[in-house]
Amino acid sequence: MNPQTLETGLRIAGLILTGLVIANFVAAKRWDYSGSLVGTQLIVRQIFHVHCAYMIAIIAALALVCLGWPNLLLEGGFSKAFCAFFALFWLSRVIVQLTYYDSDLRRADRCWDIFFLGVFLALAIIFALVFYYA
C-alpha cells in the first residue's frame, strides 16, 4: 500500500474522529447525561464530566493529527507504536459495544448501534493498515 493511500486513510479517520467529537455532544443531550446524574454524589458527577471532557479532547487531538499532519503517523518507530495502540483501542471499543452494552438497548437503537460499530471498526482497520504498511 503506497504512502498516499495511507495518508488518505488517515485523513478519512480524521473526519470520522471529528464526527465522533460532535456525536459526544449529541449523545449527552439524547441520553440526558445531566438528568441521569441527578441524585448521584457530587464527586461522581464531577468525575463523569471530567472523563467525558478528556475523552473528547483526546479524540479531537487525534482528529487534528490525522487531518493536519498525517505524515507524522507514516514514518518512524513511534508512529508504528501510536498506530498499533489506536488500532487496538478502537478494536476494543467494538468488543465493548458487542459484549458490555445492554443488548435490549442496542436492539432498540439498532441503526445507531450498527453505525457506531462501523465507525469504530473502520478506525481500527485504518490504524491497523497504517501500522502494518507504513
N, C-alpha and C. Protein backbone atom coordinates (compact mmCIF):
# COMPACT_ATOMS: atom_id res chain seq x y z
N MET A 1 0.86 -1.17 0.00
CA MET A 1 0.00 0.00 0.00
C MET A 1 0.90 1.24 0.00
N ASN A 2 0.62 2.17 -0.89
CA ASN A 2 1.52 3.32 -1.01
C ASN A 2 1.21 4.39 0.05
N PRO A 3 2.19 5.24 0.34
CA PRO A 3 2.03 6.27 1.37
C PRO A 3 0.85 7.22 1.12
N GLN A 4 0.58 7.51 -0.15
CA GLN A 4 -0.53 8.42 -0.47
C GLN A 4 -1.87 7.80 -0.05
N THR A 5 -2.03 6.51 -0.28
CA THR A 5 -3.26 5.82 0.13
C THR A 5 -3.39 5.81 1.64
N LEU A 6 -2.29 5.56 2.34
CA LEU A 6 -2.31 5.56 3.81
C LEU A 6 -2.63 6.95 4.34
N GLU A 7 -2.06 7.97 3.71
CA GLU A 7 -2.35 9.35 4.13
C GLU A 7 -3.83 9.67 3.94
N THR A 8 -4.39 9.24 2.82
CA THR A 8 -5.82 9.45 2.58
C THR A 8 -6.65 8.72 3.64
N GLY A 9 -6.25 7.51 3.98
CA GLY A 9 -6.94 6.77 5.03
C GLY A 9 -6.90 7.50 6.36
N LEU A 10 -5.75 8.07 6.69
CA LEU A 10 -5.64 8.83 7.94
C LEU A 10 -6.50 10.09 7.91
N ARG A 11 -6.58 10.73 6.77
CA ARG A 11 -7.44 11.91 6.67
C ARG A 11 -8.93 11.52 6.82
N ILE A 12 -9.29 10.38 6.26
CA ILE A 12 -10.66 9.88 6.45
C ILE A 12 -10.89 9.58 7.92
N ALA A 13 -9.90 8.97 8.57
CA ALA A 13 -10.01 8.73 10.01
C ALA A 13 -10.19 10.04 10.77
N GLY A 14 -9.48 11.07 10.35
CA GLY A 14 -9.63 12.39 10.98
C GLY A 14 -11.03 12.94 10.86
N LEU A 15 -11.65 12.75 9.70
CA LEU A 15 -13.04 13.19 9.51
C LEU A 15 -13.99 12.38 10.39
N ILE A 16 -13.76 11.07 10.45
CA ILE A 16 -14.59 10.20 11.30
C ILE A 16 -14.45 10.62 12.77
N LEU A 17 -13.23 10.89 13.19
CA LEU A 17 -12.98 11.30 14.57
C LEU A 17 -13.63 12.65 14.88
N THR A 18 -13.61 13.56 13.91
CA THR A 18 -14.29 14.84 14.10
C THR A 18 -15.79 14.61 14.30
N GLY A 19 -16.34 13.68 13.53
CA GLY A 19 -17.75 13.31 13.72
C GLY A 19 -18.00 12.73 15.11
N LEU A 20 -17.06 11.96 15.62
CA LEU A 20 -17.22 11.40 16.97
C LEU A 20 -17.21 12.49 18.04
N VAL A 21 -16.39 13.51 17.83
CA VAL A 21 -16.39 14.63 18.79
C VAL A 21 -17.78 15.26 18.83
N ILE A 22 -18.35 15.51 17.68
CA ILE A 22 -19.69 16.09 17.59
C ILE A 22 -20.72 15.13 18.19
N ALA A 23 -20.58 13.85 17.90
CA ALA A 23 -21.52 12.84 18.40
C ALA A 23 -21.54 12.79 19.92
N ASN A 24 -20.42 13.09 20.56
CA ASN A 24 -20.40 13.09 22.02
C ASN A 24 -21.33 14.15 22.60
N PHE A 25 -21.43 15.28 21.94
CA PHE A 25 -22.34 16.33 22.41
C PHE A 25 -23.79 15.96 22.13
N VAL A 26 -24.04 15.33 21.00
CA VAL A 26 -25.39 14.86 20.67
C VAL A 26 -25.82 13.78 21.67
N ALA A 27 -24.91 12.86 21.99
CA ALA A 27 -25.22 11.78 22.93
C ALA A 27 -25.54 12.33 24.31
N ALA A 28 -24.82 13.36 24.74
CA ALA A 28 -25.06 13.94 26.06
C ALA A 28 -26.49 14.46 26.16
N LYS A 29 -26.98 15.03 25.08
CA LYS A 29 -28.35 15.55 25.08
C LYS A 29 -29.36 14.41 24.91
N ARG A 30 -29.08 13.51 23.96
CA ARG A 30 -30.01 12.42 23.66
C ARG A 30 -30.27 11.53 24.87
N TRP A 31 -29.20 11.21 25.61
CA TRP A 31 -29.36 10.32 26.76
C TRP A 31 -29.37 11.08 28.08
N ASP A 32 -29.55 12.40 28.00
CA ASP A 32 -29.73 13.25 29.17
C ASP A 32 -28.73 12.94 30.28
N TYR A 33 -27.46 13.10 29.95
CA TYR A 33 -26.41 12.82 30.94
C TYR A 33 -26.65 13.57 32.25
N SER A 34 -26.90 14.86 32.16
CA SER A 34 -27.07 15.66 33.38
C SER A 34 -28.26 15.18 34.20
N GLY A 35 -29.39 14.94 33.55
CA GLY A 35 -30.57 14.46 34.26
C GLY A 35 -30.35 13.08 34.87
N SER A 36 -29.62 12.25 34.16
CA SER A 36 -29.35 10.90 34.65
C SER A 36 -28.43 10.90 35.86
N LEU A 37 -27.65 11.94 35.99
CA LEU A 37 -26.70 12.02 37.10
C LEU A 37 -27.28 12.68 38.35
N VAL A 38 -28.49 13.23 38.23
CA VAL A 38 -29.13 13.85 39.39
C VAL A 38 -29.30 12.79 40.47
N GLY A 39 -28.94 13.16 41.67
CA GLY A 39 -29.06 12.22 42.78
C GLY A 39 -27.79 11.45 43.07
N THR A 40 -26.82 11.52 42.15
CA THR A 40 -25.55 10.87 42.43
C THR A 40 -24.69 11.82 43.26
N GLN A 41 -23.67 11.28 43.87
CA GLN A 41 -22.76 12.11 44.66
C GLN A 41 -22.09 13.14 43.74
N LEU A 42 -21.79 14.28 44.30
CA LEU A 42 -21.15 15.35 43.54
C LEU A 42 -19.86 14.86 42.89
N ILE A 43 -19.07 14.11 43.61
CA ILE A 43 -17.79 13.64 43.07
C ILE A 43 -18.02 12.71 41.87
N VAL A 44 -19.07 11.92 41.89
CA VAL A 44 -19.38 11.03 40.76
C VAL A 44 -19.73 11.86 39.53
N ARG A 45 -20.55 12.90 39.71
CA ARG A 45 -20.89 13.79 38.59
C ARG A 45 -19.64 14.47 38.05
N GLN A 46 -18.78 14.94 38.94
CA GLN A 46 -17.58 15.63 38.52
C GLN A 46 -16.63 14.69 37.77
N ILE A 47 -16.45 13.50 38.28
CA ILE A 47 -15.58 12.53 37.61
C ILE A 47 -16.14 12.21 36.23
N PHE A 48 -17.45 11.99 36.14
CA PHE A 48 -18.08 11.68 34.86
C PHE A 48 -17.83 12.80 33.85
N HIS A 49 -18.06 14.05 34.26
CA HIS A 49 -17.86 15.18 33.35
C HIS A 49 -16.39 15.34 32.95
N VAL A 50 -15.48 15.16 33.89
CA VAL A 50 -14.06 15.27 33.58
C VAL A 50 -13.64 14.16 32.61
N HIS A 51 -14.09 12.93 32.86
CA HIS A 51 -13.75 11.82 31.95
C HIS A 51 -14.28 12.09 30.55
N CYS A 52 -15.51 12.55 30.45
CA CYS A 52 -16.08 12.87 29.13
C CYS A 52 -15.26 13.96 28.44
N ALA A 53 -14.92 15.01 29.17
CA ALA A 53 -14.16 16.11 28.58
C ALA A 53 -12.79 15.64 28.10
N TYR A 54 -12.13 14.82 28.88
CA TYR A 54 -10.81 14.34 28.47
C TYR A 54 -10.89 13.39 27.28
N MET A 55 -11.90 12.55 27.23
CA MET A 55 -12.07 11.67 26.06
C MET A 55 -12.32 12.49 24.80
N ILE A 56 -13.17 13.50 24.91
CA ILE A 56 -13.45 14.35 23.76
C ILE A 56 -12.17 15.07 23.32
N ALA A 57 -11.37 15.54 24.29
CA ALA A 57 -10.13 16.23 23.96
C ALA A 57 -9.15 15.29 23.26
N ILE A 58 -9.03 14.06 23.72
CA ILE A 58 -8.12 13.09 23.09
C ILE A 58 -8.58 12.77 21.67
N ILE A 59 -9.88 12.55 21.49
CA ILE A 59 -10.40 12.25 20.16
C ILE A 59 -10.19 13.44 19.23
N ALA A 60 -10.42 14.64 19.74
CA ALA A 60 -10.21 15.85 18.92
C ALA A 60 -8.74 16.01 18.54
N ALA A 61 -7.83 15.75 19.47
CA ALA A 61 -6.40 15.85 19.18
C ALA A 61 -5.99 14.82 18.13
N LEU A 62 -6.51 13.61 18.25
CA LEU A 62 -6.20 12.58 17.26
C LEU A 62 -6.75 12.98 15.89
N ALA A 63 -7.94 13.54 15.87
CA ALA A 63 -8.51 14.02 14.60
C ALA A 63 -7.61 15.10 13.99
N LEU A 64 -7.14 16.00 14.82
CA LEU A 64 -6.29 17.08 14.35
C LEU A 64 -4.99 16.55 13.74
N VAL A 65 -4.38 15.57 14.39
CA VAL A 65 -3.15 14.97 13.85
C VAL A 65 -3.44 14.29 12.52
N CYS A 66 -4.53 13.51 12.48
CA CYS A 66 -4.86 12.78 11.25
C CYS A 66 -5.17 13.73 10.09
N LEU A 67 -5.83 14.82 10.37
CA LEU A 67 -6.20 15.77 9.32
C LEU A 67 -5.05 16.70 8.95
N GLY A 68 -4.30 17.16 9.95
CA GLY A 68 -3.29 18.18 9.69
C GLY A 68 -1.89 17.66 9.42
N TRP A 69 -1.53 16.56 10.07
CA TRP A 69 -0.17 16.06 9.96
C TRP A 69 -0.15 14.54 9.85
N PRO A 70 -0.85 13.96 8.88
CA PRO A 70 -0.88 12.50 8.78
C PRO A 70 0.50 11.90 8.54
N ASN A 71 1.41 12.68 7.94
CA ASN A 71 2.76 12.18 7.67
C ASN A 71 3.49 11.81 8.97
N LEU A 72 3.12 12.43 10.08
CA LEU A 72 3.74 12.08 11.37
C LEU A 72 3.45 10.64 11.77
N LEU A 73 2.38 10.09 11.23
CA LEU A 73 1.98 8.73 11.57
C LEU A 73 2.44 7.71 10.53
N LEU A 74 3.21 8.16 9.57
CA LEU A 74 3.62 7.28 8.48
C LEU A 74 5.09 6.89 8.50
N GLU A 75 5.84 7.40 9.47
CA GLU A 75 7.26 7.07 9.48
C GLU A 75 7.80 7.04 10.91
N GLY A 76 8.67 6.11 11.15
CA GLY A 76 9.34 6.04 12.45
C GLY A 76 8.70 5.05 13.40
N GLY A 77 9.49 4.67 14.38
CA GLY A 77 9.04 3.69 15.37
C GLY A 77 7.89 4.17 16.23
N PHE A 78 7.93 5.44 16.62
CA PHE A 78 6.85 5.95 17.45
C PHE A 78 5.52 5.90 16.72
N SER A 79 5.54 6.23 15.43
CA SER A 79 4.29 6.23 14.66
C SER A 79 3.70 4.82 14.60
N LYS A 80 4.56 3.81 14.49
CA LYS A 80 4.07 2.42 14.47
C LYS A 80 3.42 2.08 15.81
N ALA A 81 4.07 2.44 16.90
CA ALA A 81 3.50 2.17 18.23
C ALA A 81 2.20 2.93 18.42
N PHE A 82 2.16 4.17 17.97
CA PHE A 82 0.98 5.02 18.07
C PHE A 82 -0.19 4.40 17.32
N CYS A 83 0.06 3.98 16.08
CA CYS A 83 -1.00 3.40 15.25
C CYS A 83 -1.43 2.03 15.78
N ALA A 84 -0.49 1.25 16.28
CA ALA A 84 -0.84 -0.04 16.88
C ALA A 84 -1.75 0.17 18.09
N PHE A 85 -1.39 1.14 18.92
CA PHE A 85 -2.22 1.43 20.09
C PHE A 85 -3.63 1.80 19.67
N PHE A 86 -3.77 2.72 18.71
CA PHE A 86 -5.11 3.16 18.33
C PHE A 86 -5.88 2.10 17.54
N ALA A 87 -5.20 1.23 16.83
CA ALA A 87 -5.89 0.10 16.19
C ALA A 87 -6.50 -0.79 17.28
N LEU A 88 -5.73 -1.10 18.31
CA LEU A 88 -6.24 -1.92 19.42
C LEU A 88 -7.30 -1.18 20.23
N PHE A 89 -7.09 0.11 20.42
CA PHE A 89 -8.04 0.94 21.16
C PHE A 89 -9.43 0.89 20.51
N TRP A 90 -9.47 1.15 19.20
CA TRP A 90 -10.76 1.18 18.51
C TRP A 90 -11.34 -0.22 18.35
N LEU A 91 -10.50 -1.23 18.18
CA LEU A 91 -11.00 -2.60 18.15
C LEU A 91 -11.60 -2.98 19.50
N SER A 92 -10.97 -2.55 20.58
CA SER A 92 -11.53 -2.84 21.90
C SER A 92 -12.88 -2.15 22.08
N ARG A 93 -13.06 -1.00 21.44
CA ARG A 93 -14.34 -0.30 21.52
C ARG A 93 -15.44 -1.10 20.82
N VAL A 94 -15.10 -1.77 19.74
CA VAL A 94 -16.04 -2.67 19.06
C VAL A 94 -16.42 -3.80 20.01
N ILE A 95 -15.42 -4.40 20.65
CA ILE A 95 -15.67 -5.52 21.56
C ILE A 95 -16.53 -5.09 22.75
N VAL A 96 -16.25 -3.91 23.29
CA VAL A 96 -17.07 -3.39 24.39
C VAL A 96 -18.51 -3.23 23.96
N GLN A 97 -18.71 -2.67 22.79
CA GLN A 97 -20.08 -2.47 22.32
C GLN A 97 -20.81 -3.79 22.15
N LEU A 98 -20.11 -4.80 21.65
CA LEU A 98 -20.75 -6.09 21.40
C LEU A 98 -20.97 -6.92 22.66
N THR A 99 -20.15 -6.71 23.67
CA THR A 99 -20.22 -7.60 24.84
C THR A 99 -20.69 -6.94 26.12
N TYR A 100 -20.52 -5.64 26.27
CA TYR A 100 -20.83 -4.99 27.54
C TYR A 100 -22.16 -4.23 27.51
N TYR A 101 -22.41 -3.50 26.46
CA TYR A 101 -23.65 -2.72 26.40
C TYR A 101 -24.87 -3.64 26.37
N ASP A 102 -25.93 -3.18 27.00
CA ASP A 102 -27.17 -3.95 27.11
C ASP A 102 -27.73 -4.25 25.71
N SER A 103 -27.97 -5.54 25.46
CA SER A 103 -28.42 -5.95 24.13
C SER A 103 -29.82 -5.42 23.80
N ASP A 104 -30.68 -5.27 24.79
CA ASP A 104 -32.02 -4.71 24.53
C ASP A 104 -31.92 -3.25 24.08
N LEU A 105 -31.06 -2.50 24.74
CA LEU A 105 -30.88 -1.10 24.35
C LEU A 105 -30.24 -1.00 22.96
N ARG A 106 -29.29 -1.89 22.68
CA ARG A 106 -28.67 -1.89 21.35
C ARG A 106 -29.70 -2.23 20.28
N ARG A 107 -30.57 -3.17 20.57
CA ARG A 107 -31.62 -3.58 19.63
C ARG A 107 -32.61 -2.43 19.41
N ALA A 108 -32.92 -1.69 20.46
CA ALA A 108 -33.88 -0.58 20.36
C ALA A 108 -33.33 0.54 19.47
N ASP A 109 -32.03 0.71 19.47
CA ASP A 109 -31.38 1.73 18.63
C ASP A 109 -30.47 1.05 17.61
N ARG A 110 -30.99 0.05 16.91
CA ARG A 110 -30.18 -0.81 16.03
C ARG A 110 -29.42 -0.01 14.97
N CYS A 111 -30.05 1.01 14.39
CA CYS A 111 -29.36 1.79 13.35
C CYS A 111 -28.12 2.48 13.93
N TRP A 112 -28.26 3.10 15.09
CA TRP A 112 -27.12 3.75 15.72
C TRP A 112 -26.07 2.72 16.13
N ASP A 113 -26.53 1.59 16.62
CA ASP A 113 -25.63 0.52 17.04
C ASP A 113 -24.76 0.08 15.87
N ILE A 114 -25.38 -0.19 14.76
CA ILE A 114 -24.64 -0.64 13.57
C ILE A 114 -23.74 0.48 13.04
N PHE A 115 -24.25 1.70 13.04
CA PHE A 115 -23.45 2.84 12.58
C PHE A 115 -22.18 2.97 13.40
N PHE A 116 -22.30 2.97 14.73
CA PHE A 116 -21.11 3.15 15.57
C PHE A 116 -20.19 1.93 15.52
N LEU A 117 -20.74 0.74 15.37
CA LEU A 117 -19.88 -0.42 15.17
C LEU A 117 -19.04 -0.23 13.92
N GLY A 118 -19.66 0.25 12.85
CA GLY A 118 -18.94 0.51 11.61
C GLY A 118 -17.88 1.58 11.77
N VAL A 119 -18.20 2.64 12.48
CA VAL A 119 -17.25 3.73 12.73
C VAL A 119 -16.03 3.20 13.48
N PHE A 120 -16.27 2.48 14.57
CA PHE A 120 -15.15 2.00 15.39
C PHE A 120 -14.34 0.94 14.66
N LEU A 121 -15.00 0.10 13.89
CA LEU A 121 -14.29 -0.91 13.11
C LEU A 121 -13.46 -0.25 12.00
N ALA A 122 -14.02 0.76 11.34
CA ALA A 122 -13.28 1.48 10.30
C ALA A 122 -12.02 2.12 10.88
N LEU A 123 -12.15 2.74 12.04
CA LEU A 123 -10.97 3.36 12.67
C LEU A 123 -9.93 2.30 13.03
N ALA A 124 -10.38 1.17 13.56
CA ALA A 124 -9.44 0.09 13.90
C ALA A 124 -8.71 -0.40 12.65
N ILE A 125 -9.43 -0.55 11.58
CA ILE A 125 -8.83 -1.05 10.33
C ILE A 125 -7.84 -0.03 9.76
N ILE A 126 -8.22 1.24 9.73
CA ILE A 126 -7.32 2.27 9.18
C ILE A 126 -6.02 2.30 9.97
N PHE A 127 -6.11 2.35 11.30
CA PHE A 127 -4.89 2.43 12.10
C PHE A 127 -4.07 1.14 12.00
N ALA A 128 -4.74 -0.01 11.87
CA ALA A 128 -4.02 -1.28 11.69
C ALA A 128 -3.28 -1.30 10.34
N LEU A 129 -3.93 -0.81 9.30
CA LEU A 129 -3.27 -0.76 7.99
C LEU A 129 -2.07 0.17 7.99
N VAL A 130 -2.22 1.32 8.64
CA VAL A 130 -1.08 2.23 8.72
C VAL A 130 0.05 1.59 9.52
N PHE A 131 -0.29 0.94 10.62
CA PHE A 131 0.73 0.23 11.40
C PHE A 131 1.46 -0.79 10.55
N TYR A 132 0.71 -1.56 9.81
CA TYR A 132 1.28 -2.67 9.05
C TYR A 132 2.09 -2.21 7.83
N TYR A 133 1.58 -1.23 7.12
CA TYR A 133 2.19 -0.85 5.84
C TYR A 133 3.14 0.34 5.91
N ALA A 134 3.03 1.15 6.95
CA ALA A 134 3.90 2.36 7.00
C ALA A 134 5.31 2.01 7.42
